[in-house]
Amino acid sequence: LPMQSGDDEILARMKRPYRSRDFLALSQTLFEKIPGLALGLDLITGSPGEGEPQFQNTLDLLEQIPFAYLHIFPFSPRPGTPASRFRPKVPQRVSQERSRVLARLSRDRKEQYIKGQLGKNLEIVVEDRDGDWVFGRSENYLLLKVRSRAGIRERVRVRLLELTGRELIGEEI
């Protein structure tokens, strides 16, 4: 979902039709209606006017949302757009550091989400194979490795067994 920022002032400058409380309410509704949801959020760092208080508001909102991962984009002005004239500009080094903070948070949350899925049964669509192993993506967007004879584009029911480094291992059920 395109959260963009957790600060109402920044959202208003972006002309977003929602505020932080609206986004929080939407995410809560989604989690109530979709068990096991792997919610990804789009965020922009370094938008003009994003000082420390505005960035902290984004972090505070993120603490309230059990997202699974973030897509982080540094602000890049497009010539001729209103945002290209907004001030104050955020120094690139500040924007990059904020991106690193969000990337660490995203890695931690993704690992936390995956650990919460261990032992669960999922369905994957096989995308690739290597010998006895197939690789497929689940309905909650996890990439798993499973021993199976299934072919490419076939669906396979699996139980998520372990996370080894960056690989998720499952067994066909």
N, C-alpha and C. Protein backbone atom coordinates (compact mmCIF):
# COMPACT_ATOMS: atom_id res chain seq x y z
N LEU A 1 0.84 -1.18 0.00
CA LEU A 1 0.00 0.00 0.00
C LEU A 1 0.88 1.24 0.00
N PRO A 2 0.47 2.29 -0.67
CA PRO A 2 1.28 3.50 -0.76
C PRO A 2 1.11 4.41 0.46
N MET A 3 1.76 4.06 1.55
CA MET A 3 1.70 4.88 2.76
C MET A 3 2.39 6.22 2.52
N GLN A 4 3.54 6.20 1.88
CA GLN A 4 4.36 7.36 1.52
C GLN A 4 5.00 8.05 2.71
N SER A 5 4.22 8.37 3.75
CA SER A 5 4.74 9.02 4.95
C SER A 5 3.76 8.75 6.08
N GLY A 6 4.25 8.83 7.29
CA GLY A 6 3.38 8.70 8.45
C GLY A 6 3.12 10.04 9.11
N ASP A 7 3.45 11.11 8.40
CA ASP A 7 3.28 12.46 8.94
C ASP A 7 2.18 13.18 8.16
N ASP A 8 1.21 13.71 8.88
CA ASP A 8 0.06 14.35 8.24
C ASP A 8 0.43 15.57 7.43
N GLU A 9 1.40 16.35 7.89
CA GLU A 9 1.84 17.54 7.16
C GLU A 9 2.45 17.15 5.80
N ILE A 10 3.30 16.13 5.82
CA ILE A 10 3.92 15.67 4.58
C ILE A 10 2.86 15.08 3.65
N LEU A 11 1.94 14.29 4.20
CA LEU A 11 0.86 13.72 3.37
C LEU A 11 0.02 14.82 2.72
N ALA A 12 -0.26 15.88 3.47
CA ALA A 12 -1.04 16.99 2.92
C ALA A 12 -0.27 17.67 1.79
N ARG A 13 1.04 17.87 1.97
CA ARG A 13 1.85 18.49 0.92
C ARG A 13 1.89 17.62 -0.33
N MET A 14 1.82 16.29 -0.13
CA MET A 14 1.80 15.36 -1.26
C MET A 14 0.41 15.29 -1.90
N LYS A 15 -0.55 15.97 -1.28
CA LYS A 15 -1.94 15.96 -1.73
C LYS A 15 -2.54 14.55 -1.68
N ARG A 16 -2.15 13.80 -0.66
CA ARG A 16 -2.72 12.47 -0.44
C ARG A 16 -4.10 12.65 0.17
N PRO A 17 -5.07 11.81 -0.22
CA PRO A 17 -6.44 11.97 0.28
C PRO A 17 -6.65 11.30 1.65
N TYR A 18 -5.59 10.98 2.36
CA TYR A 18 -5.70 10.31 3.66
C TYR A 18 -4.69 10.91 4.62
N ARG A 19 -4.92 10.64 5.89
CA ARG A 19 -4.00 11.06 6.94
C ARG A 19 -3.54 9.81 7.68
N SER A 20 -2.62 9.97 8.58
CA SER A 20 -2.02 8.82 9.27
C SER A 20 -3.07 7.98 9.99
N ARG A 21 -4.04 8.61 10.63
CA ARG A 21 -5.07 7.84 11.36
C ARG A 21 -5.92 7.02 10.38
N ASP A 22 -6.15 7.56 9.18
CA ASP A 22 -6.90 6.81 8.15
C ASP A 22 -6.12 5.58 7.70
N PHE A 23 -4.83 5.76 7.54
CA PHE A 23 -3.99 4.65 7.10
C PHE A 23 -3.93 3.57 8.18
N LEU A 24 -3.82 3.97 9.43
CA LEU A 24 -3.81 3.02 10.54
C LEU A 24 -5.14 2.26 10.59
N ALA A 25 -6.25 2.95 10.43
CA ALA A 25 -7.56 2.30 10.46
C ALA A 25 -7.70 1.31 9.30
N LEU A 26 -7.25 1.69 8.11
CA LEU A 26 -7.31 0.79 6.96
C LEU A 26 -6.47 -0.46 7.22
N SER A 27 -5.27 -0.28 7.73
CA SER A 27 -4.42 -1.45 7.97
C SER A 27 -5.05 -2.37 9.02
N GLN A 28 -5.64 -1.82 10.06
CA GLN A 28 -6.30 -2.64 11.07
C GLN A 28 -7.45 -3.43 10.47
N THR A 29 -8.23 -2.81 9.60
CA THR A 29 -9.32 -3.49 8.92
C THR A 29 -8.80 -4.63 8.05
N LEU A 30 -7.73 -4.37 7.32
CA LEU A 30 -7.15 -5.42 6.46
C LEU A 30 -6.70 -6.62 7.27
N PHE A 31 -6.04 -6.38 8.41
CA PHE A 31 -5.56 -7.49 9.23
C PHE A 31 -6.71 -8.27 9.86
N GLU A 32 -7.81 -7.60 10.15
CA GLU A 32 -8.99 -8.29 10.68
C GLU A 32 -9.61 -9.20 9.61
N LYS A 33 -9.62 -8.73 8.38
CA LYS A 33 -10.31 -9.46 7.31
C LYS A 33 -9.45 -10.48 6.59
N ILE A 34 -8.11 -10.34 6.66
CA ILE A 34 -7.21 -11.22 5.92
C ILE A 34 -6.17 -11.81 6.88
N PRO A 35 -6.48 -12.95 7.48
CA PRO A 35 -5.51 -13.58 8.39
C PRO A 35 -4.22 -13.92 7.66
N GLY A 36 -3.09 -13.68 8.32
CA GLY A 36 -1.79 -14.00 7.73
C GLY A 36 -1.32 -13.02 6.68
N LEU A 37 -1.99 -11.88 6.56
CA LEU A 37 -1.66 -10.89 5.55
C LEU A 37 -0.19 -10.48 5.64
N ALA A 38 0.49 -10.47 4.51
CA ALA A 38 1.85 -9.94 4.40
C ALA A 38 1.73 -8.55 3.77
N LEU A 39 1.57 -7.56 4.61
CA LEU A 39 1.35 -6.20 4.13
C LEU A 39 2.67 -5.52 3.82
N GLY A 40 2.81 -5.07 2.59
CA GLY A 40 3.97 -4.27 2.19
C GLY A 40 3.55 -2.82 2.07
N LEU A 41 4.44 -1.94 2.46
CA LEU A 41 4.16 -0.51 2.43
C LEU A 41 5.20 0.23 1.60
N ASP A 42 4.75 1.19 0.80
CA ASP A 42 5.65 2.08 0.06
C ASP A 42 5.89 3.33 0.89
N LEU A 43 7.15 3.71 1.02
CA LEU A 43 7.52 4.91 1.77
C LEU A 43 8.49 5.75 0.97
N ILE A 44 8.38 7.06 1.09
CA ILE A 44 9.31 7.99 0.47
C ILE A 44 10.08 8.68 1.58
N THR A 45 11.41 8.65 1.49
CA THR A 45 12.23 9.36 2.47
C THR A 45 12.77 10.63 1.84
N GLY A 46 12.94 11.63 2.67
CA GLY A 46 13.56 12.87 2.22
C GLY A 46 12.66 13.79 1.44
N SER A 47 11.34 13.67 1.63
CA SER A 47 10.44 14.63 0.99
C SER A 47 10.73 16.02 1.54
N PRO A 48 10.61 17.05 0.71
CA PRO A 48 10.86 18.40 1.21
C PRO A 48 10.02 18.68 2.46
N GLY A 49 10.66 19.25 3.46
CA GLY A 49 9.98 19.54 4.71
C GLY A 49 10.00 18.41 5.71
N GLU A 50 10.59 17.26 5.34
CA GLU A 50 10.65 16.13 6.27
C GLU A 50 11.82 16.33 7.23
N GLY A 51 11.50 16.95 8.36
CA GLY A 51 12.50 17.11 9.41
C GLY A 51 12.47 15.89 10.33
N GLU A 52 13.24 15.95 11.39
CA GLU A 52 13.26 14.84 12.34
C GLU A 52 11.88 14.55 12.94
N PRO A 53 11.10 15.58 13.31
CA PRO A 53 9.76 15.27 13.88
C PRO A 53 8.86 14.53 12.88
N GLN A 54 8.91 14.92 11.61
CA GLN A 54 8.07 14.27 10.61
C GLN A 54 8.52 12.82 10.37
N PHE A 55 9.84 12.61 10.34
CA PHE A 55 10.34 11.26 10.17
C PHE A 55 9.98 10.41 11.39
N GLN A 56 10.07 10.99 12.57
CA GLN A 56 9.70 10.25 13.79
C GLN A 56 8.22 9.89 13.77
N ASN A 57 7.37 10.76 13.23
CA ASN A 57 5.95 10.43 13.11
C ASN A 57 5.75 9.20 12.21
N THR A 58 6.55 9.10 11.15
CA THR A 58 6.49 7.92 10.28
C THR A 58 6.90 6.68 11.06
N LEU A 59 8.00 6.77 11.79
CA LEU A 59 8.46 5.62 12.60
C LEU A 59 7.41 5.22 13.64
N ASP A 60 6.80 6.23 14.27
CA ASP A 60 5.77 5.95 15.28
C ASP A 60 4.57 5.23 14.67
N LEU A 61 4.15 5.66 13.48
CA LEU A 61 3.03 5.00 12.82
C LEU A 61 3.40 3.57 12.43
N LEU A 62 4.61 3.39 11.93
CA LEU A 62 5.06 2.05 11.55
C LEU A 62 5.07 1.09 12.74
N GLU A 63 5.35 1.60 13.92
CA GLU A 63 5.33 0.76 15.12
C GLU A 63 3.94 0.19 15.41
N GLN A 64 2.91 0.88 14.93
CA GLN A 64 1.53 0.47 15.19
C GLN A 64 0.97 -0.47 14.11
N ILE A 65 1.70 -0.65 13.03
CA ILE A 65 1.22 -1.46 11.91
C ILE A 65 2.10 -2.69 11.78
N PRO A 66 1.52 -3.89 11.85
CA PRO A 66 2.34 -5.11 11.73
C PRO A 66 2.64 -5.47 10.27
N PHE A 67 3.28 -4.55 9.56
CA PHE A 67 3.62 -4.78 8.16
C PHE A 67 4.68 -5.88 8.05
N ALA A 68 4.79 -6.47 6.86
CA ALA A 68 5.76 -7.54 6.63
C ALA A 68 7.03 -7.04 5.93
N TYR A 69 6.92 -5.97 5.17
CA TYR A 69 8.09 -5.44 4.47
C TYR A 69 7.79 -4.03 3.97
N LEU A 70 8.85 -3.31 3.64
CA LEU A 70 8.74 -1.95 3.13
C LEU A 70 9.41 -1.85 1.76
N HIS A 71 8.84 -1.02 0.91
CA HIS A 71 9.50 -0.57 -0.32
C HIS A 71 9.87 0.89 -0.04
N ILE A 72 11.14 1.19 -0.06
CA ILE A 72 11.63 2.51 0.34
C ILE A 72 12.17 3.23 -0.88
N PHE A 73 11.70 4.45 -1.08
CA PHE A 73 12.13 5.25 -2.22
C PHE A 73 12.62 6.60 -1.72
N PRO A 74 13.81 7.02 -2.13
CA PRO A 74 14.24 8.39 -1.79
C PRO A 74 13.48 9.39 -2.66
N PHE A 75 13.17 10.52 -2.10
CA PHE A 75 12.49 11.57 -2.85
C PHE A 75 13.37 11.99 -4.02
N SER A 76 12.76 12.10 -5.18
CA SER A 76 13.48 12.62 -6.35
C SER A 76 12.54 13.58 -7.07
N PRO A 77 12.91 14.85 -7.08
CA PRO A 77 12.02 15.84 -7.69
C PRO A 77 11.94 15.66 -9.20
N ARG A 78 10.74 15.80 -9.71
CA ARG A 78 10.54 15.78 -11.16
C ARG A 78 10.40 17.23 -11.62
N PRO A 79 11.20 17.63 -12.59
CA PRO A 79 11.13 19.04 -13.05
C PRO A 79 9.71 19.43 -13.45
N GLY A 80 9.33 20.63 -13.03
CA GLY A 80 8.02 21.16 -13.41
C GLY A 80 6.89 20.78 -12.48
N THR A 81 7.14 19.89 -11.51
CA THR A 81 6.08 19.51 -10.57
C THR A 81 6.11 20.46 -9.36
N PRO A 82 4.97 20.61 -8.68
CA PRO A 82 4.98 21.45 -7.49
C PRO A 82 6.03 21.00 -6.46
N ALA A 83 6.21 19.69 -6.28
CA ALA A 83 7.15 19.19 -5.28
C ALA A 83 8.59 19.61 -5.59
N SER A 84 8.90 19.85 -6.84
CA SER A 84 10.27 20.25 -7.19
C SER A 84 10.60 21.63 -6.64
N ARG A 85 9.57 22.41 -6.30
CA ARG A 85 9.77 23.76 -5.77
C ARG A 85 9.61 23.83 -4.25
N PHE A 86 9.18 22.73 -3.63
CA PHE A 86 8.97 22.73 -2.18
C PHE A 86 10.29 22.93 -1.45
N ARG A 87 10.19 23.58 -0.30
CA ARG A 87 11.33 23.80 0.59
C ARG A 87 10.90 23.47 2.00
N PRO A 88 11.77 23.18 2.91
CA PRO A 88 13.21 23.04 2.73
C PRO A 88 13.55 21.66 2.16
N LYS A 89 14.60 21.64 1.36
CA LYS A 89 15.11 20.38 0.80
C LYS A 89 15.79 19.59 1.92
N VAL A 90 15.72 18.28 1.82
CA VAL A 90 16.39 17.40 2.78
C VAL A 90 17.73 16.99 2.17
N PRO A 91 18.83 17.17 2.90
CA PRO A 91 20.12 16.76 2.35
C PRO A 91 20.12 15.27 1.99
N GLN A 92 20.80 14.93 0.91
CA GLN A 92 20.83 13.55 0.43
C GLN A 92 21.36 12.60 1.50
N ARG A 93 22.38 12.99 2.25
CA ARG A 93 22.94 12.11 3.28
C ARG A 93 21.90 11.82 4.36
N VAL A 94 21.03 12.79 4.67
CA VAL A 94 19.97 12.59 5.67
C VAL A 94 18.93 11.62 5.12
N SER A 95 18.54 11.83 3.87
CA SER A 95 17.58 10.94 3.23
C SER A 95 18.12 9.52 3.16
N GLN A 96 19.40 9.38 2.84
CA GLN A 96 20.01 8.04 2.76
C GLN A 96 20.05 7.37 4.13
N GLU A 97 20.36 8.13 5.17
CA GLU A 97 20.39 7.55 6.51
C GLU A 97 18.99 7.11 6.93
N ARG A 98 17.98 7.90 6.61
CA ARG A 98 16.60 7.52 6.92
C ARG A 98 16.22 6.26 6.15
N SER A 99 16.66 6.15 4.91
CA SER A 99 16.41 4.94 4.13
C SER A 99 17.05 3.73 4.79
N ARG A 100 18.26 3.90 5.33
CA ARG A 100 18.94 2.78 6.01
C ARG A 100 18.18 2.38 7.28
N VAL A 101 17.69 3.35 8.02
CA VAL A 101 16.89 3.06 9.23
C VAL A 101 15.66 2.25 8.85
N LEU A 102 14.97 2.68 7.81
CA LEU A 102 13.77 1.97 7.36
C LEU A 102 14.10 0.59 6.80
N ALA A 103 15.23 0.47 6.12
CA ALA A 103 15.62 -0.83 5.57
C ALA A 103 15.91 -1.83 6.69
N ARG A 104 16.55 -1.37 7.77
CA ARG A 104 16.79 -2.26 8.93
C ARG A 104 15.46 -2.69 9.55
N LEU A 105 14.56 -1.74 9.70
CA LEU A 105 13.24 -2.05 10.25
C LEU A 105 12.52 -3.05 9.35
N SER A 106 12.61 -2.86 8.05
CA SER A 106 11.96 -3.77 7.11
C SER A 106 12.54 -5.17 7.23
N ARG A 107 13.86 -5.30 7.29
CA ARG A 107 14.49 -6.62 7.43
C ARG A 107 14.04 -7.31 8.70
N ASP A 108 14.00 -6.56 9.80
CA ASP A 108 13.57 -7.13 11.08
C ASP A 108 12.12 -7.60 11.01
N ARG A 109 11.26 -6.77 10.43
CA ARG A 109 9.84 -7.12 10.34
C ARG A 109 9.61 -8.31 9.42
N LYS A 110 10.36 -8.36 8.31
CA LYS A 110 10.19 -9.48 7.39
C LYS A 110 10.59 -10.79 8.08
N GLU A 111 11.70 -10.77 8.80
CA GLU A 111 12.12 -11.97 9.52
C GLU A 111 11.10 -12.35 10.58
N GLN A 112 10.58 -11.36 11.29
CA GLN A 112 9.55 -11.61 12.30
C GLN A 112 8.30 -12.21 11.66
N TYR A 113 7.90 -11.67 10.51
CA TYR A 113 6.73 -12.19 9.81
C TYR A 113 6.95 -13.64 9.39
N ILE A 114 8.11 -13.92 8.81
CA ILE A 114 8.42 -15.28 8.35
C ILE A 114 8.42 -16.25 9.52
N LYS A 115 9.03 -15.87 10.62
CA LYS A 115 9.07 -16.76 11.79
C LYS A 115 7.66 -17.05 12.28
N GLY A 116 6.76 -16.09 12.14
CA GLY A 116 5.38 -16.30 12.51
C GLY A 116 4.64 -17.25 11.58
N GLN A 117 5.18 -17.48 10.40
CA GLN A 117 4.56 -18.38 9.42
C GLN A 117 5.09 -19.81 9.52
N LEU A 118 6.19 -20.03 10.25
CA LEU A 118 6.77 -21.37 10.37
C LEU A 118 5.74 -22.35 10.92
N GLY A 119 5.67 -23.51 10.30
CA GLY A 119 4.71 -24.54 10.70
C GLY A 119 3.37 -24.44 10.01
N LYS A 120 3.13 -23.35 9.31
CA LYS A 120 1.84 -23.16 8.63
C LYS A 120 1.85 -23.83 7.27
N ASN A 121 0.66 -24.20 6.81
CA ASN A 121 0.49 -24.78 5.49
C ASN A 121 0.17 -23.67 4.50
N LEU A 122 0.87 -23.69 3.38
CA LEU A 122 0.70 -22.68 2.34
C LEU A 122 0.60 -23.36 0.98
N GLU A 123 0.14 -22.62 0.02
CA GLU A 123 0.17 -23.11 -1.35
C GLU A 123 1.14 -22.24 -2.12
N ILE A 124 2.02 -22.89 -2.91
CA ILE A 124 2.93 -22.13 -3.75
C ILE A 124 2.65 -22.43 -5.21
N VAL A 125 3.06 -21.54 -6.06
CA VAL A 125 3.07 -21.75 -7.49
C VAL A 125 4.54 -21.91 -7.87
N VAL A 126 4.86 -23.04 -8.47
CA VAL A 126 6.25 -23.34 -8.81
C VAL A 126 6.72 -22.39 -9.91
N GLU A 127 7.85 -21.72 -9.66
CA GLU A 127 8.42 -20.77 -10.61
C GLU A 127 9.70 -21.29 -11.26
N ASP A 128 10.40 -22.19 -10.55
CA ASP A 128 11.69 -22.67 -11.05
C ASP A 128 12.00 -23.99 -10.38
N ARG A 129 12.96 -24.71 -10.93
CA ARG A 129 13.40 -25.95 -10.30
C ARG A 129 14.89 -26.11 -10.47
N ASP A 130 15.48 -26.88 -9.54
CA ASP A 130 16.89 -27.22 -9.58
C ASP A 130 17.01 -28.64 -9.02
N GLY A 131 17.08 -29.61 -9.91
CA GLY A 131 17.13 -31.01 -9.49
C GLY A 131 15.84 -31.41 -8.82
N ASP A 132 15.93 -31.91 -7.58
CA ASP A 132 14.75 -32.33 -6.82
C ASP A 132 14.02 -31.16 -6.16
N TRP A 133 14.63 -29.99 -6.20
CA TRP A 133 14.05 -28.83 -5.51
C TRP A 133 13.27 -27.96 -6.48
N VAL A 134 12.12 -27.48 -6.00
CA VAL A 134 11.36 -26.46 -6.75
C VAL A 134 11.32 -25.20 -5.90
N PHE A 135 11.16 -24.08 -6.58
CA PHE A 135 11.09 -22.78 -5.92
C PHE A 135 9.78 -22.15 -6.34
N GLY A 136 9.04 -21.68 -5.35
CA GLY A 136 7.75 -21.09 -5.65
C GLY A 136 7.37 -20.03 -4.65
N ARG A 137 6.42 -19.21 -5.06
CA ARG A 137 5.95 -18.12 -4.21
C ARG A 137 4.57 -18.47 -3.67
N SER A 138 4.39 -18.19 -2.38
CA SER A 138 3.13 -18.48 -1.72
C SER A 138 2.13 -17.34 -1.92
N GLU A 139 0.90 -17.58 -1.47
CA GLU A 139 -0.14 -16.55 -1.59
C GLU A 139 0.18 -15.33 -0.74
N ASN A 140 1.05 -15.47 0.27
CA ASN A 140 1.46 -14.32 1.06
C ASN A 140 2.86 -13.85 0.66
N TYR A 141 3.24 -14.18 -0.56
CA TYR A 141 4.42 -13.64 -1.25
C TYR A 141 5.75 -14.07 -0.65
N LEU A 142 5.78 -15.26 -0.07
CA LEU A 142 7.03 -15.81 0.44
C LEU A 142 7.61 -16.75 -0.62
N LEU A 143 8.91 -16.66 -0.83
CA LEU A 143 9.60 -17.54 -1.77
C LEU A 143 10.12 -18.74 -1.00
N LEU A 144 9.65 -19.95 -1.37
CA LEU A 144 10.01 -21.18 -0.67
C LEU A 144 10.75 -22.13 -1.58
N LYS A 145 11.54 -22.98 -0.94
CA LYS A 145 12.27 -24.06 -1.61
C LYS A 145 11.71 -25.37 -1.04
N VAL A 146 11.28 -26.28 -1.95
CA VAL A 146 10.61 -27.51 -1.53
C VAL A 146 11.05 -28.66 -2.44
N ARG A 147 11.26 -29.85 -1.85
CA ARG A 147 11.51 -31.03 -2.68
C ARG A 147 10.15 -31.46 -3.25
N SER A 148 10.09 -31.53 -4.59
CA SER A 148 8.82 -31.87 -5.24
C SER A 148 9.09 -32.27 -6.69
N ARG A 149 8.16 -33.05 -7.23
CA ARG A 149 8.23 -33.40 -8.64
C ARG A 149 7.35 -32.48 -9.48
N ALA A 150 6.73 -31.50 -8.86
CA ALA A 150 5.81 -30.60 -9.57
C ALA A 150 6.55 -29.83 -10.66
N GLY A 151 5.80 -29.48 -11.69
CA GLY A 151 6.35 -28.72 -12.80
C GLY A 151 6.13 -27.23 -12.63
N ILE A 152 6.78 -26.48 -13.49
CA ILE A 152 6.64 -25.02 -13.50
C ILE A 152 5.17 -24.65 -13.67
N ARG A 153 4.72 -23.66 -12.91
CA ARG A 153 3.35 -23.12 -12.88
C ARG A 153 2.35 -24.03 -12.18
N GLU A 154 2.80 -25.18 -11.68
CA GLU A 154 1.89 -26.03 -10.91
C GLU A 154 1.79 -25.50 -9.48
N ARG A 155 0.66 -25.83 -8.85
CA ARG A 155 0.43 -25.45 -7.46
C ARG A 155 0.81 -26.62 -6.56
N VAL A 156 1.45 -26.30 -5.44
CA VAL A 156 1.88 -27.33 -4.49
C VAL A 156 1.53 -26.87 -3.08
N ARG A 157 0.90 -27.75 -2.30
CA ARG A 157 0.63 -27.46 -0.88
C ARG A 157 1.89 -27.81 -0.09
N VAL A 158 2.33 -26.90 0.75
CA VAL A 158 3.55 -27.11 1.52
C VAL A 158 3.36 -26.66 2.96
N ARG A 159 4.20 -27.20 3.82
CA ARG A 159 4.29 -26.74 5.21
C ARG A 159 5.63 -26.02 5.32
N LEU A 160 5.61 -24.82 5.85
CA LEU A 160 6.83 -24.03 6.00
C LEU A 160 7.58 -24.55 7.23
N LEU A 161 8.79 -25.08 6.99
CA LEU A 161 9.55 -25.73 8.05
C LEU A 161 10.60 -24.86 8.73
N GLU A 162 11.42 -24.17 7.92
CA GLU A 162 12.53 -23.44 8.54
C GLU A 162 13.01 -22.30 7.66
N LEU A 163 13.67 -21.38 8.33
CA LEU A 163 14.35 -20.28 7.68
C LEU A 163 15.83 -20.50 7.91
N THR A 164 16.56 -20.75 6.83
CA THR A 164 18.01 -20.97 6.94
C THR A 164 18.70 -19.83 6.20
N GLY A 165 19.27 -18.92 6.95
CA GLY A 165 19.85 -17.74 6.31
C GLY A 165 18.76 -16.95 5.65
N ARG A 166 18.80 -16.90 4.33
CA ARG A 166 17.78 -16.16 3.58
C ARG A 166 16.83 -17.09 2.84
N GLU A 167 16.96 -18.41 3.06
CA GLU A 167 16.11 -19.37 2.35
C GLU A 167 15.01 -19.92 3.26
N LEU A 168 13.83 -20.02 2.69
CA LEU A 168 12.71 -20.64 3.37
C LEU A 168 12.56 -22.06 2.82
N ILE A 169 12.55 -23.04 3.72
CA ILE A 169 12.45 -24.44 3.33
C ILE A 169 11.08 -24.96 3.75
N GLY A 170 10.43 -25.64 2.83
CA GLY A 170 9.14 -26.25 3.12
C GLY A 170 9.16 -27.71 2.74
N GLU A 171 8.07 -28.41 3.11
CA GLU A 171 7.90 -29.79 2.68
C GLU A 171 6.54 -29.90 2.03
N GLU A 172 6.48 -30.69 0.97
CA GLU A 172 5.22 -30.91 0.27
C GLU A 172 4.31 -31.73 1.17
N ILE A 173 3.03 -31.35 1.21
CA ILE A 173 2.05 -32.10 2.02
C ILE A 173 0.92 -32.59 1.14
